[in-house]
PDB file of N, CA and C in Angstrom:
ATOM      1  N   PRO A   1     -30.551 153.015 230.535  1.00  0.00           N
ATOM      2  CA  PRO A   1     -29.708 153.701 229.555  1.00  0.00           C
ATOM      3  C   PRO A   1     -30.446 154.796 228.788  1.00  0.00           C
ATOM      4  N   GLU A   2     -31.749 154.616 228.548  1.00  0.00           N
ATOM      5  CA  GLU A   2     -32.473 155.643 227.807  1.00  0.00           C
ATOM      6  C   GLU A   2     -32.705 156.900 228.631  1.00  0.00           C
ATOM      7  N   ILE A   3     -32.615 156.791 229.934  1.00  0.00           N
ATOM      8  CA  ILE A   3     -32.773 157.966 230.801  1.00  0.00           C
ATOM      9  C   ILE A   3     -31.435 158.661 230.999  1.00  0.00           C
ATOM     10  N   LEU A   4     -30.387 157.899 231.234  1.00  0.00           N
ATOM     11  CA  LEU A   4     -29.060 158.465 231.486  1.00  0.00           C
ATOM     12  C   LEU A   4     -28.307 158.643 230.175  1.00  0.00           C
ATOM     13  N   ALA A   5     -28.613 159.730 229.505  1.00  0.00           N
ATOM     14  CA  ALA A   5     -28.016 159.980 228.189  1.00  0.00           C
ATOM     15  C   ALA A   5     -26.517 160.262 228.274  1.00  0.00           C
ATOM     16  N   THR A   6     -26.052 160.822 229.391  1.00  0.00           N
ATOM     17  CA  THR A   6     -24.631 161.123 229.568  1.00  0.00           C
ATOM     18  C   THR A   6     -24.231 160.815 230.998  1.00  0.00           C
ATOM     19  N   PRO A   7     -22.957 160.562 231.250  1.00  0.00           N
ATOM     20  CA  PRO A   7     -22.514 160.314 232.622  1.00  0.00           C
ATOM     21  C   PRO A   7     -22.582 161.558 233.512  1.00  0.00           C
ATOM     22  N   GLU A   8     -22.873 162.708 232.928  1.00  0.00           N
ATOM     23  CA  GLU A   8     -23.001 163.937 233.719  1.00  0.00           C
ATOM     24  C   GLU A   8     -24.292 163.968 234.524  1.00  0.00           C
ATOM     25  N   ILE A   9     -25.254 163.070 234.211  1.00  0.00           N
ATOM     26  CA  ILE A   9     -26.533 163.096 234.918  1.00  0.00           C
ATOM     27  C   ILE A   9     -26.784 161.830 235.737  1.00  0.00           C
ATOM     28  N   GLY A  10     -25.839 160.925 235.803  1.00  0.00           N
ATOM     29  CA  GLY A  10     -26.037 159.744 236.628  1.00  0.00           C
ATOM     30  C   GLY A  10     -25.092 158.614 236.267  1.00  0.00           C
ATOM     31  N   ARG A  11     -25.258 157.527 236.970  1.00  0.00           N
ATOM     32  CA  ARG A  11     -24.440 156.338 236.745  1.00  0.00           C
ATOM     33  C   ARG A  11     -25.336 155.132 236.566  1.00  0.00           C
ATOM     34  N   LEU A  12     -24.957 154.242 235.676  1.00  0.00           N
ATOM     35  CA  LEU A  12     -25.658 152.973 235.500  1.00  0.00           C
ATOM     36  C   LEU A  12     -25.020 151.915 236.381  1.00  0.00           C
ATOM     37  N   ALA A  13     -25.826 151.016 236.873  1.00  0.00           N
ATOM     38  CA  ALA A  13     -25.323 149.868 237.620  1.00  0.00           C
ATOM     39  C   ALA A  13     -25.305 148.691 236.659  1.00  0.00           C
ATOM     40  N   ASP A  14     -24.120 148.283 236.267  1.00  0.00           N
ATOM     41  CA  ASP A  14     -24.009 147.200 235.308  1.00  0.00           C
ATOM     42  C   ASP A  14     -22.890 146.278 235.723  1.00  0.00           C
ATOM     43  N   PRO A  15     -23.181 145.040 236.014  1.00  0.00           N
ATOM     44  CA  PRO A  15     -24.469 144.362 235.877  1.00  0.00           C
ATOM     45  C   PRO A  15     -25.431 144.807 236.975  1.00  0.00           C
ATOM     46  N   ILE A  16     -26.688 144.457 236.834  1.00  0.00           N
ATOM     47  CA  ILE A  16     -27.694 144.884 237.811  1.00  0.00           C
ATOM     48  C   ILE A  16     -27.609 143.952 239.017  1.00  0.00           C
ATOM     49  N   THR A  17     -26.751 144.349 239.932  1.00  0.00           N
ATOM     50  CA  THR A  17     -26.557 143.594 241.174  1.00  0.00           C
ATOM     51  C   THR A  17     -26.472 144.587 242.321  1.00  0.00           C
ATOM     52  N   ALA A  18     -26.635 144.076 243.524  1.00  0.00           N
ATOM     53  CA  ALA A  18     -26.520 144.936 244.705  1.00  0.00           C
ATOM     54  C   ALA A  18     -25.133 145.568 244.771  1.00  0.00           C
ATOM     55  N   GLU A  19     -24.119 144.807 244.413  1.00  0.00           N
ATOM     56  CA  GLU A  19     -22.752 145.317 244.466  1.00  0.00           C
ATOM     57  C   GLU A  19     -22.553 146.459 243.456  1.00  0.00           C
ATOM     58  N   ALA A  20     -23.113 146.305 242.259  1.00  0.00           N
ATOM     59  CA  ALA A  20     -22.973 147.356 241.244  1.00  0.00           C
ATOM     60  C   ALA A  20     -23.721 148.620 241.658  1.00  0.00           C
ATOM     61  N   PHE A  21     -24.928 148.454 242.246  1.00  0.00           N
ATOM     62  CA  PHE A  21     -25.659 149.621 242.736  1.00  0.00           C
ATOM     63  C   PHE A  21     -24.871 150.322 243.832  1.00  0.00           C
ATOM     64  N   ALA A  22     -24.319 149.537 244.748  1.00  0.00           N
ATOM     65  CA  ALA A  22     -23.531 150.115 245.844  1.00  0.00           C
ATOM     66  C   ALA A  22     -22.321 150.867 245.304  1.00  0.00           C
ATOM     67  N   ALA A  23     -21.658 150.309 244.314  1.00  0.00           N
ATOM     68  CA  ALA A  23     -20.491 150.977 243.732  1.00  0.00           C
ATOM     69  C   ALA A  23     -20.887 152.289 243.071  1.00  0.00           C
ATOM     70  N   ALA A  24     -22.013 152.295 242.344  1.00  0.00           N
ATOM     71  CA  ALA A  24     -22.480 153.524 241.693  1.00  0.00           C
ATOM     72  C   ALA A  24     -22.837 154.583 242.732  1.00  0.00           C
ATOM     73  N   ILE A  25     -23.490 154.165 243.803  1.00  0.00           N
ATOM     74  CA  ILE A  25     -23.855 155.108 244.872  1.00  0.00           C
ATOM     75  C   ILE A  25     -22.610 155.660 245.538  1.00  0.00           C
ATOM     76  N   ARG A  26     -21.646 154.785 245.844  1.00  0.00           N
ATOM     77  CA  ARG A  26     -20.394 155.255 246.455  1.00  0.00           C
ATOM     78  C   ARG A  26     -19.684 156.258 245.558  1.00  0.00           C
ATOM     79  N   GLU A  27     -19.685 155.980 244.243  1.00  0.00           N
ATOM     80  CA  GLU A  27     -19.017 156.888 243.318  1.00  0.00           C
ATOM     81  C   GLU A  27     -19.668 158.267 243.329  1.00  0.00           C
ATOM     82  N   VAL A  28     -20.985 158.311 243.256  1.00  0.00           N
ATOM     83  CA  VAL A  28     -21.688 159.602 243.246  1.00  0.00           C
ATOM     84  C   VAL A  28     -21.487 160.327 244.580  1.00  0.00           C
ATOM     85  N   LEU A  29     -21.549 159.596 245.686  1.00  0.00           N
ATOM     86  CA  LEU A  29     -21.336 160.228 246.995  1.00  0.00           C
ATOM     87  C   LEU A  29     -19.928 160.792 247.118  1.00  0.00           C
ATOM     88  N   SER A  30     -18.967 160.154 246.475  1.00  0.00           N
ATOM     89  CA  SER A  30     -17.586 160.627 246.562  1.00  0.00           C
ATOM     90  C   SER A  30     -17.374 161.920 245.769  1.00  0.00           C
ATOM     91  N   LEU A  31     -18.317 162.275 244.931  1.00  0.00           N
ATOM     92  CA  LEU A  31     -18.184 163.476 244.102  1.00  0.00           C
ATOM     93  C   LEU A  31     -18.523 164.764 244.848  1.00  0.00           C
ATOM     94  N   GLY A  32     -19.093 164.655 246.031  1.00  0.00           N
ATOM     95  CA  GLY A  32     -19.440 165.845 246.811  1.00  0.00           C
ATOM     96  C   GLY A  32     -20.417 166.741 246.080  1.00  0.00           C
ATOM     97  N   ASP A  33     -20.067 168.015 245.940  1.00  0.00           N
ATOM     98  CA  ASP A  33     -20.952 168.973 245.280  1.00  0.00           C
ATOM     99  C   ASP A  33     -21.218 168.604 243.829  1.00  0.00           C
ATOM    100  N   ARG A  34     -20.274 167.967 243.179  1.00  0.00           N
ATOM    101  CA  ARG A  34     -20.498 167.536 241.788  1.00  0.00           C
ATOM    102  C   ARG A  34     -21.597 166.481 241.721  1.00  0.00           C
ATOM    103  N   GLY A  35     -21.719 165.672 242.763  1.00  0.00           N
ATOM    104  CA  GLY A  35     -22.797 164.684 242.826  1.00  0.00           C
ATOM    105  C   GLY A  35     -24.148 165.357 242.959  1.00  0.00           C
ATOM    106  N   SER A  36     -24.220 166.404 243.779  1.00  0.00           N
ATOM    107  CA  SER A  36     -25.462 167.168 243.909  1.00  0.00           C
ATOM    108  C   SER A  36     -25.817 167.841 242.599  1.00  0.00           C
ATOM    109  N   SER A  37     -24.817 168.383 241.938  1.00  0.00           N
ATOM    110  CA  SER A  37     -25.015 169.016 240.642  1.00  0.00           C
ATOM    111  C   SER A  37     -25.515 167.994 239.620  1.00  0.00           C
ATOM    112  N   MET A  38     -25.019 166.772 239.716  1.00  0.00           N
ATOM    113  CA  MET A  38     -25.437 165.704 238.815  1.00  0.00           C
ATOM    114  C   MET A  38     -26.937 165.465 238.962  1.00  0.00           C
ATOM    115  N   GLY A  39     -27.426 165.426 240.194  1.00  0.00           N
ATOM    116  CA  GLY A  39     -28.853 165.225 240.431  1.00  0.00           C
ATOM    117  C   GLY A  39     -29.690 166.346 239.849  1.00  0.00           C
ATOM    118  N   ALA A  40     -29.231 167.578 240.026  1.00  0.00           N
ATOM    119  CA  ALA A  40     -29.959 168.727 239.477  1.00  0.00           C
ATOM    120  C   ALA A  40     -30.005 168.664 237.948  1.00  0.00           C
ATOM    121  N   LYS A  41     -28.881 168.318 237.335  1.00  0.00           N
ATOM    122  CA  LYS A  41     -28.841 168.200 235.872  1.00  0.00           C
ATOM    123  C   LYS A  41     -29.763 167.076 235.393  1.00  0.00           C
ATOM    124  N   ALA A  42     -29.820 165.990 236.141  1.00  0.00           N
ATOM    125  CA  ALA A  42     -30.678 164.865 235.762  1.00  0.00           C
ATOM    126  C   ALA A  42     -32.147 165.275 235.795  1.00  0.00           C
ATOM    127  N   ARG A  43     -32.549 165.986 236.850  1.00  0.00           N
ATOM    128  CA  ARG A  43     -33.943 166.435 236.937  1.00  0.00           C
ATOM    129  C   ARG A  43     -34.295 167.346 235.768  1.00  0.00           C
ATOM    130  N   LEU A  44     -33.407 168.277 235.439  1.00  0.00           N
ATOM    131  CA  LEU A  44     -33.654 169.169 234.305  1.00  0.00           C
ATOM    132  C   LEU A  44     -33.731 168.388 232.993  1.00  0.00           C
ATOM    133  N   SER A  45     -32.869 167.414 232.833  1.00  0.00           N
ATOM    134  CA  SER A  45     -32.846 166.608 231.619  1.00  0.00           C
ATOM    135  C   SER A  45     -34.160 165.858 231.440  1.00  0.00           C
ATOM    136  N   LEU A  46     -34.650 165.270 232.507  1.00  0.00           N
ATOM    137  CA  LEU A  46     -35.889 164.493 232.416  1.00  0.00           C
ATOM    138  C   LEU A  46     -37.090 165.382 232.144  1.00  0.00           C
ATOM    139  N   ARG A  47     -37.135 166.542 232.758  1.00  0.00           N
ATOM    140  CA  ARG A  47     -38.240 167.475 232.499  1.00  0.00           C
ATOM    141  C   ARG A  47     -38.196 167.950 231.059  1.00  0.00           C
ATOM    142  N   GLY A  48     -36.995 168.232 230.564  1.00  0.00           N
ATOM    143  CA  GLY A  48     -36.846 168.724 229.200  1.00  0.00           C
ATOM    144  C   GLY A  48     -37.265 167.700 228.160  1.00  0.00           C
ATOM    145  N   GLN A  49     -37.026 166.423 228.447  1.00  0.00           N
ATOM    146  CA  GLN A  49     -37.407 165.378 227.502  1.00  0.00           C
ATOM    147  C   GLN A  49     -38.915 165.163 227.496  1.00  0.00           C
ATOM    148  N   GLY A  50     -39.553 165.389 228.636  1.00  0.00           N
ATOM    149  CA  GLY A  50     -40.992 165.219 228.725  1.00  0.00           C
ATOM    150  C   GLY A  50     -41.463 163.775 228.719  1.00  0.00           C
ATOM    151  N   ARG A  51     -40.541 162.839 228.677  1.00  0.00           N
ATOM    152  CA  ARG A  51     -40.945 161.432 228.634  1.00  0.00           C
ATOM    153  C   ARG A  51     -41.163 160.837 230.016  1.00  0.00           C
ATOM    154  N   PHE A  52     -40.572 161.429 231.024  1.00  0.00           N
ATOM    155  CA  PHE A  52     -40.581 160.802 232.330  1.00  0.00           C
ATOM    156  C   PHE A  52     -41.158 161.693 233.419  1.00  0.00           C
ATOM    157  N   ASP A  53     -41.894 162.738 233.044  1.00  0.00           N
ATOM    158  CA  ASP A  53     -42.465 163.597 234.068  1.00  0.00           C
ATOM    159  C   ASP A  53     -43.859 163.116 234.473  1.00  0.00           C
ATOM    160  N   ILE A  54     -44.376 163.658 235.551  1.00  0.00           N
ATOM    161  CA  ILE A  54     -45.651 163.206 236.105  1.00  0.00           C
ATOM    162  C   ILE A  54     -46.795 163.453 235.128  1.00  0.00           C
ATOM    163  N   ALA A  55     -46.829 164.615 234.493  1.00  0.00           N
ATOM    164  CA  ALA A  55     -47.918 164.932 233.577  1.00  0.00           C
ATOM    165  C   ALA A  55     -47.969 163.953 232.409  1.00  0.00           C
ATOM    166  N   THR A  56     -46.820 163.629 231.851  1.00  0.00           N
ATOM    167  CA  THR A  56     -46.778 162.689 230.733  1.00  0.00           C
ATOM    168  C   THR A  56     -47.214 161.304 231.188  1.00  0.00           C
ATOM    169  N   GLY A  57     -46.737 160.875 232.335  1.00  0.00           N
ATOM    170  CA  GLY A  57     -47.134 159.576 232.883  1.00  0.00           C
ATOM    171  C   GLY A  57     -48.627 159.504 233.141  1.00  0.00           C
ATOM    172  N   ARG A  58     -49.180 160.594 233.677  1.00  0.00           N
ATOM    173  CA  ARG A  58     -50.607 160.647 233.962  1.00  0.00           C
ATOM    174  C   ARG A  58     -51.416 160.513 232.667  1.00  0.00           C
ATOM    175  N   GLU A  59     -51.005 161.211 231.615  1.00  0.00           N
ATOM    176  CA  GLU A  59     -51.718 161.138 230.338  1.00  0.00           C
ATOM    177  C   GLU A  59     -51.619 159.747 229.716  1.00  0.00           C
ATOM    178  N   ARG A  60     -50.466 159.132 229.815  1.00  0.00           N
ATOM    179  CA  ARG A  60     -50.313 157.780 229.276  1.00  0.00           C
ATOM    180  C   ARG A  60     -51.207 156.794 230.023  1.00  0.00           C
ATOM    181  N   LEU A  61     -51.231 156.902 231.344  1.00  0.00           N
ATOM    182  CA  LEU A  61     -52.060 156.017 232.148  1.00  0.00           C
ATOM    183  C   LEU A  61     -53.536 156.246 231.851  1.00  0.00           C
ATOM    184  N   LYS A  62     -53.927 157.491 231.682  1.00  0.00           N
ATOM    185  CA  LYS A  62     -55.314 157.825 231.342  1.00  0.00           C
ATOM    186  C   LYS A  62     -55.714 157.169 230.021  1.00  0.00           C
ATOM    187  N   LYS A  63     -54.840 157.232 229.018  1.00  0.00           N
ATOM    188  CA  LYS A  63     -55.134 156.608 227.724  1.00  0.00           C
ATOM    189  C   LYS A  63     -55.282 155.091 227.860  1.00  0.00           C
ATOM    190  N   ILE A  64     -54.452 154.492 228.698  1.00  0.00           N
ATOM    191  CA  ILE A  64     -54.544 153.046 228.917  1.00  0.00           C
ATOM    192  C   ILE A  64     -55.888 152.691 229.532  1.00  0.00           C
ATOM    193  N   TYR A  65     -56.287 153.421 230.576  1.00  0.00           N
ATOM    194  CA  TYR A  65     -57.566 153.146 231.237  1.00  0.00           C
ATOM    195  C   TYR A  65     -58.739 153.396 230.299  1.00  0.00           C
ATOM    196  N   LEU A  66     -58.714 154.490 229.559  1.00  0.00           N
ATOM    197  CA  LEU A  66     -59.806 154.768 228.636  1.00  0.00           C
ATOM    198  C   LEU A  66     -59.878 153.722 227.531  1.00  0.00           C
ATOM    199  N   GLY A  67     -58.723 153.280 227.055  1.00  0.00           N
ATOM    200  CA  GLY A  67     -58.707 152.216 226.058  1.00  0.00           C
ATOM    201  C   GLY A  67     -59.290 150.925 226.601  1.00  0.00           C
ATOM    202  N   ALA A  68     -58.976 150.606 227.834  1.00  0.00           N
ATOM    203  CA  ALA A  68     -59.513 149.388 228.458  1.00  0.00           C
ATOM    204  C   ALA A  68     -61.015 149.506 228.654  1.00  0.00           C
ATOM    205  N   LEU A  69     -61.496 150.669 229.050  1.00  0.00           N
ATOM    206  CA  LEU A  69     -62.939 150.869 229.238  1.00  0.00           C
ATOM    207  C   LEU A  69     -63.678 150.776 227.911  1.00  0.00           C
ATOM    208  N   ASN A  70     -63.113 151.350 226.858  1.00  0.00           N
ATOM    209  CA  ASN A  70     -63.763 151.326 225.558  1.00  0.00           C
ATOM    210  C   ASN A  70     -63.739 149.939 224.925  1.00  0.00           C
ATOM    211  N   ALA A  71     -62.767 149.128 225.293  1.00  0.00           N
ATOM    212  CA  ALA A  71     -62.645 147.790 224.721  1.00  0.00           C
ATOM    213  C   ALA A  71     -63.648 146.823 225.341  1.00  0.00           C
ATOM    214  N   SER A  72     -64.148 147.144 226.537  1.00  0.00           N
ATOM    215  CA  SER A  72     -65.061 146.196 227.198  1.00  0.00           C
ATOM    216  C   SER A  72     -66.501 146.459 226.882  1.00  0.00           C
TER     217      SER A  72
END
């Protein structure tokens, strides 16, 4: 839910079951070009937030490793 701020960028599977995931996938596939547009909007949204991109993840992981090294 914290990643999918609006239904314009994706669908949640709720409850978290294979059937719910399949239903969400079927729904997005049925949207055709709007489904492709949804993916593009989602990528832009995640980059803009900066919380879920590779660079941010790399820095967080680096801090964890450095903290572990300094603690020992």
